[in-house]
């Protein structure tokens, strides 16, 4: 199914990227008060491949609908610190407060 995309001001930086990445989904792009899509022609192909690969991977992960793993708050902090050596325990605890939800399972 094709869609028309209408963008104004700041969204004019985002919508052309979507249209370049998924042209099969768009039939028209309308930009109001825009500078356009700022990418050198020689960089377009590499950009398209790279971005589409990342987005398609994220969409496939989301589509798998896996149940999130539950960990104790302590185990979650330990995992976060192991994966991010630059992070302090205090910084990791703050990130977990903002980005995690505690459930009865962990």
PDB file of N, CA and C in Angstrom:
ATOM      1  N   UNK A   1       0.836  -1.182   0.000  1.00  0.00           N
ATOM      2  CA  UNK A   1       0.000   0.000   0.000  1.00  0.00           C
ATOM      3  C   UNK A   1       0.882   1.246   0.000  1.00  0.00           C
ATOM      4  N   UNK A   2       0.572   2.210  -0.833  1.00  0.00           N
ATOM      5  CA  UNK A   2       1.341   3.451  -0.936  1.00  0.00           C
ATOM      6  C   UNK A   2       0.683   4.563  -0.132  1.00  0.00           C
ATOM      7  N   UNK A   3       1.512   5.461   0.361  1.00  0.00           N
ATOM      8  CA  UNK A   3       1.035   6.591   1.151  1.00  0.00           C
ATOM      9  C   UNK A   3       1.668   7.871   0.642  1.00  0.00           C
ATOM     10  N   UNK A   4       0.957   8.971   0.818  1.00  0.00           N
ATOM     11  CA  UNK A   4       1.531  10.283   0.571  1.00  0.00           C
ATOM     12  C   UNK A   4       2.090  10.783   1.894  1.00  0.00           C
ATOM     13  N   UNK A   5       3.256  11.411   1.844  1.00  0.00           N
ATOM     14  CA  UNK A   5       3.913  11.914   3.048  1.00  0.00           C
ATOM     15  C   UNK A   5       3.998  13.429   2.936  1.00  0.00           C
ATOM     16  N   UNK A   6       3.455  14.116   3.933  1.00  0.00           N
ATOM     17  CA  UNK A   6       3.483  15.573   3.992  1.00  0.00           C
ATOM     18  C   UNK A   6       4.269  15.973   5.221  1.00  0.00           C
ATOM     19  N   UNK A   7       5.291  16.816   5.029  1.00  0.00           N
ATOM     20  CA  UNK A   7       6.143  17.226   6.148  1.00  0.00           C
ATOM     21  C   UNK A   7       6.284  18.732   6.164  1.00  0.00           C
ATOM     22  N   UNK A   8       6.450  19.238   7.386  1.00  0.00           N
ATOM     23  CA  UNK A   8       6.636  20.672   7.574  1.00  0.00           C
ATOM     24  C   UNK A   8       7.814  20.911   8.499  1.00  0.00           C
ATOM     25  N   UNK A   9       8.658  21.862   8.146  1.00  0.00           N
ATOM     26  CA  UNK A   9       9.762  22.323   8.972  1.00  0.00           C
ATOM     27  C   UNK A   9      10.710  21.185   9.345  1.00  0.00           C
ATOM     28  N   UNK A  10      10.900  20.933  10.655  1.00  0.00           N
ATOM     29  CA  UNK A  10      11.900  19.957  11.097  1.00  0.00           C
ATOM     30  C   UNK A  10      11.626  18.552  10.583  1.00  0.00           C
ATOM     31  N   UNK A  11      10.361  18.163  10.469  1.00  0.00           N
ATOM     32  CA  UNK A  11      10.066  16.809   9.985  1.00  0.00           C
ATOM     33  C   UNK A  11      10.512  16.622   8.534  1.00  0.00           C
ATOM     34  N   UNK A  12      10.836  17.706   7.856  1.00  0.00           N
ATOM     35  CA  UNK A  12      11.346  17.612   6.482  1.00  0.00           C
ATOM     36  C   UNK A  12      12.741  17.002   6.427  1.00  0.00           C
ATOM     37  N   UNK A  13      13.407  16.874   7.570  1.00  0.00           N
ATOM     38  CA  UNK A  13      14.693  16.195   7.615  1.00  0.00           C
ATOM     39  C   UNK A  13      14.510  14.685   7.737  1.00  0.00           C
ATOM     40  N   UNK A  14      13.395  14.260   8.337  1.00  0.00           N
ATOM     41  CA  UNK A  14      13.155  12.851   8.617  1.00  0.00           C
ATOM     42  C   UNK A  14      12.405  12.158   7.482  1.00  0.00           C
ATOM     43  N   UNK A  15      11.354  12.769   6.998  1.00  0.00           N
ATOM     44  CA  UNK A  15      10.500  12.102   6.004  1.00  0.00           C
ATOM     45  C   UNK A  15      11.211  11.733   4.707  1.00  0.00           C
ATOM     46  N   UNK A  16      12.126  12.551   4.172  1.00  0.00           N
ATOM     47  CA  UNK A  16      12.836  12.103   2.964  1.00  0.00           C
ATOM     48  C   UNK A  16      13.671  10.848   3.207  1.00  0.00           C
ATOM     49  N   UNK A  17      14.215  10.716   4.418  1.00  0.00           N
ATOM     50  CA  UNK A  17      14.990   9.522   4.729  1.00  0.00           C
ATOM     51  C   UNK A  17      14.100   8.291   4.660  1.00  0.00           C
ATOM     52  N   UNK A  18      12.903   8.393   5.230  1.00  0.00           N
ATOM     53  CA  UNK A  18      11.964   7.274   5.165  1.00  0.00           C
ATOM     54  C   UNK A  18      11.634   6.945   3.714  1.00  0.00           C
ATOM     55  N   UNK A  19      11.393   7.969   2.919  1.00  0.00           N
ATOM     56  CA  UNK A  19      11.034   7.755   1.510  1.00  0.00           C
ATOM     57  C   UNK A  19      12.175   7.111   0.723  1.00  0.00           C
ATOM     58  N   UNK A  20      13.417   7.495   1.013  1.00  0.00           N
ATOM     59  CA  UNK A  20      14.561   6.870   0.354  1.00  0.00           C
ATOM     60  C   UNK A  20      14.721   5.412   0.781  1.00  0.00           C
ATOM     61  N   UNK A  21      14.442   5.154   2.051  1.00  0.00           N
ATOM     62  CA  UNK A  21      14.616   3.802   2.574  1.00  0.00           C
ATOM     63  C   UNK A  21      13.509   2.859   2.132  1.00  0.00           C
ATOM     64  N   UNK A  22      12.287   3.361   2.043  1.00  0.00           N
ATOM     65  CA  UNK A  22      11.132   2.518   1.719  1.00  0.00           C
ATOM     66  C   UNK A  22      10.311   3.124   0.573  1.00  0.00           C
ATOM     67  N   UNK A  23      10.908   3.267  -0.595  1.00  0.00           N
ATOM     68  CA  UNK A  23      10.194   3.895  -1.718  1.00  0.00           C
ATOM     69  C   UNK A  23       8.965   3.110  -2.149  1.00  0.00           C
ATOM     70  N   UNK A  24       8.952   1.814  -1.862  1.00  0.00           N
ATOM     71  CA  UNK A  24       7.793   1.001  -2.238  1.00  0.00           C
ATOM     72  C   UNK A  24       6.550   1.345  -1.416  1.00  0.00           C
ATOM     73  N   UNK A  25       6.715   2.119  -0.352  1.00  0.00           N
ATOM     74  CA  UNK A  25       5.589   2.469   0.506  1.00  0.00           C
ATOM     75  C   UNK A  25       5.061   3.877   0.255  1.00  0.00           C
ATOM     76  N   UNK A  26       5.754   4.650  -0.582  1.00  0.00           N
ATOM     77  CA  UNK A  26       5.421   6.071  -0.739  1.00  0.00           C
ATOM     78  C   UNK A  26       5.130   6.387  -2.197  1.00  0.00           C
ATOM     79  N   UNK A  27       4.025   7.096  -2.417  1.00  0.00           N
ATOM     80  CA  UNK A  27       3.755   7.537  -3.789  1.00  0.00           C
ATOM     81  C   UNK A  27       4.041   9.023  -3.984  1.00  0.00           C
ATOM     82  N   UNK A  28       3.972   9.836  -2.894  1.00  0.00           N
ATOM     83  CA  UNK A  28       4.259  11.265  -2.995  1.00  0.00           C
ATOM     84  C   UNK A  28       4.947  11.743  -1.729  1.00  0.00           C
ATOM     85  N   UNK A  29       5.853  12.691  -1.898  1.00  0.00           N
ATOM     86  CA  UNK A  29       6.508  13.354  -0.777  1.00  0.00           C
ATOM     87  C   UNK A  29       6.328  14.850  -0.968  1.00  0.00           C
ATOM     88  N   UNK A  30       5.742  15.501   0.018  1.00  0.00           N
ATOM     89  CA  UNK A  30       5.510  16.944  -0.037  1.00  0.00           C
ATOM     90  C   UNK A  30       6.244  17.569   1.140  1.00  0.00           C
ATOM     91  N   UNK A  31       7.160  18.501   0.848  1.00  0.00           N
ATOM     92  CA  UNK A  31       7.954  19.163   1.876  1.00  0.00           C
ATOM     93  C   UNK A  31       7.616  20.644   1.898  1.00  0.00           C
ATOM     94  N   UNK A  32       7.244  21.162   3.075  1.00  0.00           N
ATOM     95  CA  UNK A  32       6.938  22.580   3.237  1.00  0.00           C
ATOM     96  C   UNK A  32       7.993  23.207   4.142  1.00  0.00           C
ATOM     97  N   UNK A  33       8.586  24.293   3.697  1.00  0.00           N
ATOM     98  CA  UNK A  33       9.641  24.987   4.438  1.00  0.00           C
ATOM     99  C   UNK A  33      10.786  24.037   4.775  1.00  0.00           C
ATOM    100  N   UNK A  34      11.391  23.509   3.742  1.00  0.00           N
ATOM    101  CA  UNK A  34      12.447  22.511   3.910  1.00  0.00           C
ATOM    102  C   UNK A  34      13.702  22.897   3.159  1.00  0.00           C
ATOM    103  N   UNK A  35      14.823  22.423   3.682  1.00  0.00           N
ATOM    104  CA  UNK A  35      16.081  22.536   2.950  1.00  0.00           C
ATOM    105  C   UNK A  35      16.287  21.337   2.046  1.00  0.00           C
ATOM    106  N   UNK A  36      15.433  20.332   2.193  1.00  0.00           N
ATOM    107  CA  UNK A  36      15.564  19.115   1.389  1.00  0.00           C
ATOM    108  C   UNK A  36      16.403  18.075   2.096  1.00  0.00           C
ATOM    109  N   UNK A  37      16.735  17.047   1.360  1.00  0.00           N
ATOM    110  CA  UNK A  37      17.506  15.933   1.900  1.00  0.00           C
ATOM    111  C   UNK A  37      18.966  16.196   1.604  1.00  0.00           C
ATOM    112  N   UNK A  38      19.749  16.428   2.641  1.00  0.00           N
ATOM    113  CA  UNK A  38      21.140  16.833   2.471  1.00  0.00           C
ATOM    114  C   UNK A  38      22.068  15.631   2.516  1.00  0.00           C
ATOM    115  N   UNK A  39      22.315  15.048   1.350  1.00  0.00           N
ATOM    116  CA  UNK A  39      23.213  13.907   1.244  1.00  0.00           C
ATOM    117  C   UNK A  39      23.882  13.967  -0.118  1.00  0.00           C
ATOM    118  N   UNK A  40      25.185  13.851  -0.133  1.00  0.00           N
ATOM    119  CA  UNK A  40      25.918  13.892  -1.396  1.00  0.00           C
ATOM    120  C   UNK A  40      25.510  12.698  -2.259  1.00  0.00           C
ATOM    121  N   UNK A  41      25.309  12.894  -3.553  1.00  0.00           N
ATOM    122  CA  UNK A  41      24.876  11.802  -4.432  1.00  0.00           C
ATOM    123  C   UNK A  41      25.759  10.557  -4.352  1.00  0.00           C
ATOM    124  N   UNK A  42      27.075  10.744  -4.211  1.00  0.00           N
ATOM    125  CA  UNK A  42      27.965   9.582  -4.169  1.00  0.00           C
ATOM    126  C   UNK A  42      27.832   8.790  -2.864  1.00  0.00           C
ATOM    127  N   UNK A  43      27.203   9.375  -1.846  1.00  0.00           N
ATOM    128  CA  UNK A  43      27.028   8.690  -0.562  1.00  0.00           C
ATOM    129  C   UNK A  43      25.669   8.005  -0.430  1.00  0.00           C
ATOM    130  N   UNK A  44      24.786   8.249  -1.360  1.00  0.00           N
ATOM    131  CA  UNK A  44      23.406   7.783  -1.239  1.00  0.00           C
ATOM    132  C   UNK A  44      23.294   6.270  -1.144  1.00  0.00           C
ATOM    133  N   UNK A  45      23.935   5.535  -2.012  1.00  0.00           N
ATOM    134  CA  UNK A  45      23.789   4.075  -2.051  1.00  0.00           C
ATOM    135  C   UNK A  45      24.247   3.421  -0.751  1.00  0.00           C
ATOM    136  N   UNK A  46      25.401   3.823  -0.254  1.00  0.00           N
ATOM    137  CA  UNK A  46      25.917   3.254   1.001  1.00  0.00           C
ATOM    138  C   UNK A  46      25.011   3.611   2.165  1.00  0.00           C
ATOM    139  N   UNK A  47      24.512   4.842   2.190  1.00  0.00           N
ATOM    140  CA  UNK A  47      23.611   5.274   3.255  1.00  0.00           C
ATOM    141  C   UNK A  47      22.334   4.446   3.241  1.00  0.00           C
ATOM    142  N   UNK A  48      21.766   4.272   2.056  1.00  0.00           N
ATOM    143  CA  UNK A  48      20.529   3.502   1.932  1.00  0.00           C
ATOM    144  C   UNK A  48      20.700   2.073   2.444  1.00  0.00           C
ATOM    145  N   UNK A  49      21.754   1.408   2.022  1.00  0.00           N
ATOM    146  CA  UNK A  49      21.987   0.022   2.443  1.00  0.00           C
ATOM    147  C   UNK A  49      22.181  -0.073   3.945  1.00  0.00           C
ATOM    148  N   UNK A  50      22.980   0.811   4.497  1.00  0.00           N
ATOM    149  CA  UNK A  50      23.284   0.784   5.919  1.00  0.00           C
ATOM    150  C   UNK A  50      22.033   1.040   6.764  1.00  0.00           C
ATOM    151  N   UNK A  51      21.316   2.089   6.472  1.00  0.00           N
ATOM    152  CA  UNK A  51      20.137   2.449   7.267  1.00  0.00           C
ATOM    153  C   UNK A  51      19.022   1.425   7.130  1.00  0.00           C
ATOM    154  N   UNK A  52      18.783   0.959   5.932  1.00  0.00           N
ATOM    155  CA  UNK A  52      17.702  -0.006   5.735  1.00  0.00           C
ATOM    156  C   UNK A  52      18.017  -1.311   6.470  1.00  0.00           C
ATOM    157  N   UNK A  53      19.275  -1.737   6.447  1.00  0.00           N
ATOM    158  CA  UNK A  53      19.674  -2.960   7.148  1.00  0.00           C
ATOM    159  C   UNK A  53      19.403  -2.818   8.652  1.00  0.00           C
ATOM    160  N   UNK A  54      19.760  -1.680   9.229  1.00  0.00           N
ATOM    161  CA  UNK A  54      19.544  -1.452  10.658  1.00  0.00           C
ATOM    162  C   UNK A  54      18.055  -1.429  10.986  1.00  0.00           C
ATOM    163  N   UNK A  55      17.283  -0.697  10.208  1.00  0.00           N
ATOM    164  CA  UNK A  55      15.849  -0.579  10.477  1.00  0.00           C
ATOM    165  C   UNK A  55      15.151  -1.917  10.284  1.00  0.00           C
ATOM    166  N   UNK A  56      15.487  -2.636   9.219  1.00  0.00           N
ATOM    167  CA  UNK A  56      14.867  -3.945   8.994  1.00  0.00           C
ATOM    168  C   UNK A  56      15.185  -4.911  10.130  1.00  0.00           C
ATOM    169  N   UNK A  57      16.399  -4.850  10.649  1.00  0.00           N
ATOM    170  CA  UNK A  57      16.777  -5.715  11.778  1.00  0.00           C
ATOM    171  C   UNK A  57      15.965  -5.366  13.024  1.00  0.00           C
ATOM    172  N   UNK A  58      15.809  -4.082  13.305  1.00  0.00           N
ATOM    173  CA  UNK A  58      15.006  -3.663  14.456  1.00  0.00           C
ATOM    174  C   UNK A  58      13.548  -4.093  14.302  1.00  0.00           C
ATOM    175  N   UNK A  59      13.014  -3.963  13.108  1.00  0.00           N
ATOM    176  CA  UNK A  59      11.629  -4.379  12.865  1.00  0.00           C
ATOM    177  C   UNK A  59      11.468  -5.886  13.014  1.00  0.00           C
ATOM    178  N   UNK A  60      12.451  -6.655  12.568  1.00  0.00           N
ATOM    179  CA  UNK A  60      12.358  -8.111  12.702  1.00  0.00           C
ATOM    180  C   UNK A  60      12.445  -8.528  14.164  1.00  0.00           C
ATOM    181  N   UNK A  61      13.265  -7.845  14.947  1.00  0.00           N
ATOM    182  CA  UNK A  61      13.338  -8.143  16.382  1.00  0.00           C
ATOM    183  C   UNK A  61      12.011  -7.840  17.066  1.00  0.00           C
ATOM    184  N   UNK A  62      11.424  -6.729  16.700  1.00  0.00           N
ATOM    185  CA  UNK A  62      10.135  -6.352  17.278  1.00  0.00           C
ATOM    186  C   UNK A  62       9.053  -7.354  16.897  1.00  0.00           C
ATOM    187  N   UNK A  63       9.117  -7.854  15.675  1.00  0.00           N
ATOM    188  CA  UNK A  63       8.102  -8.790  15.189  1.00  0.00           C
ATOM    189  C   UNK A  63       8.175 -10.146  15.880  1.00  0.00           C
ATOM    190  N   UNK A  64       9.325 -10.482  16.441  1.00  0.00           N
ATOM    191  CA  UNK A  64       9.479 -11.779  17.101  1.00  0.00           C
ATOM    192  C   UNK A  64       8.670 -11.881  18.390  1.00  0.00           C
ATOM    193  N   UNK A  65       8.304 -10.760  18.981  1.00  0.00           N
ATOM    194  CA  UNK A  65       7.478 -10.717  20.201  1.00  0.00           C
ATOM    195  C   UNK A  65       7.984 -11.639  21.303  1.00  0.00           C
ATOM    196  N   UNK A  66       9.247 -11.602  21.532  1.00  0.00           N
ATOM    197  CA  UNK A  66       9.790 -12.420  22.600  1.00  0.00           C
ATOM    198  C   UNK A  66       9.456 -11.790  23.947  1.00  0.00           C
ATOM    199  N   UNK A  67       9.205 -12.637  24.911  1.00  0.00           N
ATOM    200  CA  UNK A  67       8.970 -12.154  26.250  1.00  0.00           C
ATOM    201  C   UNK A  67      10.284 -11.607  26.804  1.00  0.00           C
ATOM    202  N   UNK A  68      10.262 -10.385  27.323  1.00  0.00           N
ATOM    203  CA  UNK A  68      11.509  -9.829  27.856  1.00  0.00           C
ATOM    204  C   UNK A  68      12.045 -10.684  29.003  1.00  0.00           C
ATOM    205  N   UNK A  69      13.364 -10.758  29.089  1.00  0.00           N
ATOM    206  CA  UNK A  69      13.983 -11.499  30.179  1.00  0.00           C
ATOM    207  C   UNK A  69      13.844 -10.689  31.455  1.00  0.00           C
ATOM    208  N   UNK A  70      13.508 -11.387  32.529  1.00  0.00           N
ATOM    209  CA  UNK A  70      13.379 -10.733  33.821  1.00  0.00           C
ATOM    210  C   UNK A  70      14.619 -11.021  34.647  1.00  0.00           C
ATOM    211  N   UNK A  71      15.154  -9.985  35.256  1.00  0.00           N
ATOM    212  CA  UNK A  71      16.320 -10.107  36.114  1.00  0.00           C
ATOM    213  C   UNK A  71      16.042  -9.346  37.407  1.00  0.00           C
ATOM    214  N   UNK A  72      16.736  -9.714  38.440  1.00  0.00           N
ATOM    215  CA  UNK A  72      16.636  -8.931  39.670  1.00  0.00           C
ATOM    216  C   UNK A  72      17.247  -7.556  39.378  1.00  0.00           C
ATOM    217  N   UNK A  73      16.884  -6.531  40.149  1.00  0.00           N
ATOM    218  CA  UNK A  73      17.495  -5.216  39.931  1.00  0.00           C
ATOM    219  C   UNK A  73      19.015  -5.270  40.013  1.00  0.00           C
ATOM    220  N   UNK A  74      19.539  -6.081  40.909  1.00  0.00           N
ATOM    221  CA  UNK A  74      20.993  -6.190  41.052  1.00  0.00           C
ATOM    222  C   UNK A  74      21.621  -6.836  39.819  1.00  0.00           C
ATOM    223  N   UNK A  75      20.986  -7.905  39.319  1.00  0.00           N
ATOM    224  CA  UNK A  75      21.507  -8.597  38.133  1.00  0.00           C
ATOM    225  C   UNK A  75      21.408  -7.704  36.898  1.00  0.00           C
ATOM    226  N   UNK A  76      20.332  -6.926  36.807  1.00  0.00           N
ATOM    227  CA  UNK A  76      20.177  -6.015  35.675  1.00  0.00           C
ATOM    228  C   UNK A  76      21.279  -4.955  35.700  1.00  0.00           C
ATOM    229  N   UNK A  77      21.567  -4.436  36.887  1.00  0.00           N
ATOM    230  CA  UNK A  77      22.634  -3.443  37.007  1.00  0.00           C
ATOM    231  C   UNK A  77      23.986  -4.057  36.645  1.00  0.00           C
ATOM    232  N   UNK A  78      24.245  -5.256  37.112  1.00  0.00           N
ATOM    233  CA  UNK A  78      25.508  -5.925  36.809  1.00  0.00           C
ATOM    234  C   UNK A  78      25.674  -6.125  35.301  1.00  0.00           C
ATOM    235  N   UNK A  79      24.616  -6.570  34.636  1.00  0.00           N
ATOM    236  CA  UNK A  79      24.667  -6.782  33.181  1.00  0.00           C
ATOM    237  C   UNK A  79      24.913  -5.469  32.450  1.00  0.00           C
ATOM    238  N   UNK A  80      24.243  -4.413  32.886  1.00  0.00           N
ATOM    239  CA  UNK A  80      24.410  -3.101  32.267  1.00  0.00           C
ATOM    240  C   UNK A  80      25.845  -2.610  32.425  1.00  0.00           C
ATOM    241  N   UNK A  81      26.412  -2.786  33.602  1.00  0.00           N
ATOM    242  CA  UNK A  81      27.786  -2.346  33.854  1.00  0.00           C
ATOM    243  C   UNK A  81      28.799  -3.168  33.063  1.00  0.00           C
ATOM    244  N   UNK A  82      28.553  -4.467  32.910  1.00  0.00           N
ATOM    245  CA  UNK A  82      29.450  -5.312  32.125  1.00  0.00           C
ATOM    246  C   UNK A  82      29.456  -4.920  30.655  1.00  0.00           C
ATOM    247  N   UNK A  83      28.309  -4.516  30.152  1.00  0.00           N
ATOM    248  CA  UNK A  83      28.189  -4.156  28.737  1.00  0.00           C
ATOM    249  C   UNK A  83      28.658  -2.734  28.449  1.00  0.00           C
ATOM    250  N   UNK A  84      28.791  -1.917  29.486  1.00  0.00           N
ATOM    251  CA  UNK A  84      29.161  -0.510  29.316  1.00  0.00           C
ATOM    252  C   UNK A  84      30.242  -0.150  30.325  1.00  0.00           C
ATOM    253  N   UNK A  85      31.480  -0.448  30.004  1.00  0.00           N
ATOM    254  CA  UNK A  85      32.584  -0.291  30.945  1.00  0.00           C
ATOM    255  C   UNK A  85      32.794   1.159  31.389  1.00  0.00           C
ATOM    256  N   UNK A  86      32.335   2.108  30.607  1.00  0.00           N
ATOM    257  CA  UNK A  86      32.501   3.520  30.959  1.00  0.00           C
ATOM    258  C   UNK A  86      31.478   3.997  31.987  1.00  0.00           C
ATOM    259  N   UNK A  87      30.478   3.192  32.269  1.00  0.00           N
ATOM    260  CA  UNK A  87      29.363   3.576  33.134  1.00  0.00           C
ATOM    261  C   UNK A  87      29.687   3.293  34.592  1.00  0.00           C
ATOM    262  N   UNK A  88      29.352   4.237  35.462  1.00  0.00           N
ATOM    263  CA  UNK A  88      29.519   4.016  36.899  1.00  0.00           C
ATOM    264  C   UNK A  88      28.282   3.298  37.430  1.00  0.00           C
ATOM    265  N   UNK A  89      28.417   2.717  38.623  1.00  0.00           N
ATOM    266  CA  UNK A  89      27.280   2.034  39.239  1.00  0.00           C
ATOM    267  C   UNK A  89      26.141   3.017  39.472  1.00  0.00           C
ATOM    268  N   UNK A  90      26.468   4.232  39.884  1.00  0.00           N
ATOM    269  CA  UNK A  90      25.436   5.248  40.111  1.00  0.00           C
ATOM    270  C   UNK A  90      24.722   5.610  38.807  1.00  0.00           C
ATOM    271  N   UNK A  91      25.502   5.800  37.742  1.00  0.00           N
ATOM    272  CA  UNK A  91      24.914   6.107  36.437  1.00  0.00           C
ATOM    273  C   UNK A  91      24.057   4.964  35.926  1.00  0.00           C
ATOM    274  N   UNK A  92      24.527   3.729  36.123  1.00  0.00           N
ATOM    275  CA  UNK A  92      23.742   2.566  35.705  1.00  0.00           C
ATOM    276  C   UNK A  92      22.436   2.463  36.459  1.00  0.00           C
ATOM    277  N   UNK A  93      22.460   2.741  37.760  1.00  0.00           N
ATOM    278  CA  UNK A  93      21.237   2.692  38.559  1.00  0.00           C
ATOM    279  C   UNK A  93      20.230   3.733  38.076  1.00  0.00           C
ATOM    280  N   UNK A  94      20.727   4.906  37.708  1.00  0.00           N
ATOM    281  CA  UNK A  94      19.835   5.959  37.192  1.00  0.00           C
ATOM    282  C   UNK A  94      19.221   5.523  35.863  1.00  0.00           C
ATOM    283  N   UNK A  95      20.040   4.953  34.974  1.00  0.00           N
ATOM    284  CA  UNK A  95      19.517   4.485  33.687  1.00  0.00           C
ATOM    285  C   UNK A  95      18.457   3.401  33.882  1.00  0.00           C
ATOM    286  N   UNK A  96      18.688   2.491  34.820  1.00  0.00           N
ATOM    287  CA  UNK A  96      17.706   1.438  35.069  1.00  0.00           C
ATOM    288  C   UNK A  96      16.410   1.991  35.644  1.00  0.00           C
ATOM    289  N   UNK A  97      16.506   3.003  36.482  1.00  0.00           N
ATOM    290  CA  UNK A  97      15.295   3.628  37.020  1.00  0.00           C
ATOM    291  C   UNK A  97      14.449   4.207  35.897  1.00  0.00           C
ATOM    292  N   UNK A  98      15.110   4.792  34.906  1.00  0.00           N
ATOM    293  CA  UNK A  98      14.401   5.438  33.814  1.00  0.00           C
ATOM    294  C   UNK A  98      14.007   4.479  32.698  1.00  0.00           C
ATOM    295  N   UNK A  99      14.787   3.397  32.514  1.00  0.00           N
ATOM    296  CA  UNK A  99      14.576   2.576  31.329  1.00  0.00           C
ATOM    297  C   UNK A  99      14.135   1.145  31.585  1.00  0.00           C
ATOM    298  N   UNK A 100      13.828   0.810  32.837  1.00  0.00           N
ATOM    299  CA  UNK A 100      13.419  -0.560  33.137  1.00  0.00           C
ATOM    300  C   UNK A 100      12.168  -0.526  34.004  1.00  0.00           C
ATOM    301  N   UNK A 101      11.435  -1.601  33.951  1.00  0.00           N
ATOM    302  CA  UNK A 101      10.234  -1.743  34.761  1.00  0.00           C
ATOM    303  C   UNK A 101      10.378  -2.976  35.628  1.00  0.00           C
ATOM    304  N   UNK A 102      10.173  -2.813  36.907  1.00  0.00           N
ATOM    305  CA  UNK A 102      10.267  -3.948  37.810  1.00  0.00           C
ATOM    306  C   UNK A 102       8.913  -4.656  37.863  1.00  0.00           C
ATOM    307  N   UNK A 103       8.952  -5.967  37.684  1.00  0.00           N
ATOM    308  CA  UNK A 103       7.749  -6.788  37.729  1.00  0.00           C
ATOM    309  C   UNK A 103       7.936  -7.843  38.824  1.00  0.00           C
ATOM    310  N   UNK A 104       6.908  -8.594  39.159  1.00  0.00           N
ATOM    311  CA  UNK A 104       7.080  -9.655  40.163  1.00  0.00           C
ATOM    312  C   UNK A 104       8.151 -10.671  39.766  1.00  0.00           C
ATOM    313  N   UNK A 105       8.366 -10.866  38.464  1.00  0.00           N
ATOM    314  CA  UNK A 105       9.361 -11.833  37.995  1.00  0.00           C
ATOM    315  C   UNK A 105      10.783 -11.279  38.037  1.00  0.00           C
ATOM    316  N   UNK A 106      10.920  -9.984  38.144  1.00  0.00           N
ATOM    317  CA  UNK A 106      12.251  -9.375  38.151  1.00  0.00           C
ATOM    318  C   UNK A 106      12.268  -8.045  37.468  1.00  0.00           C
TER     319      UNK A 106
END
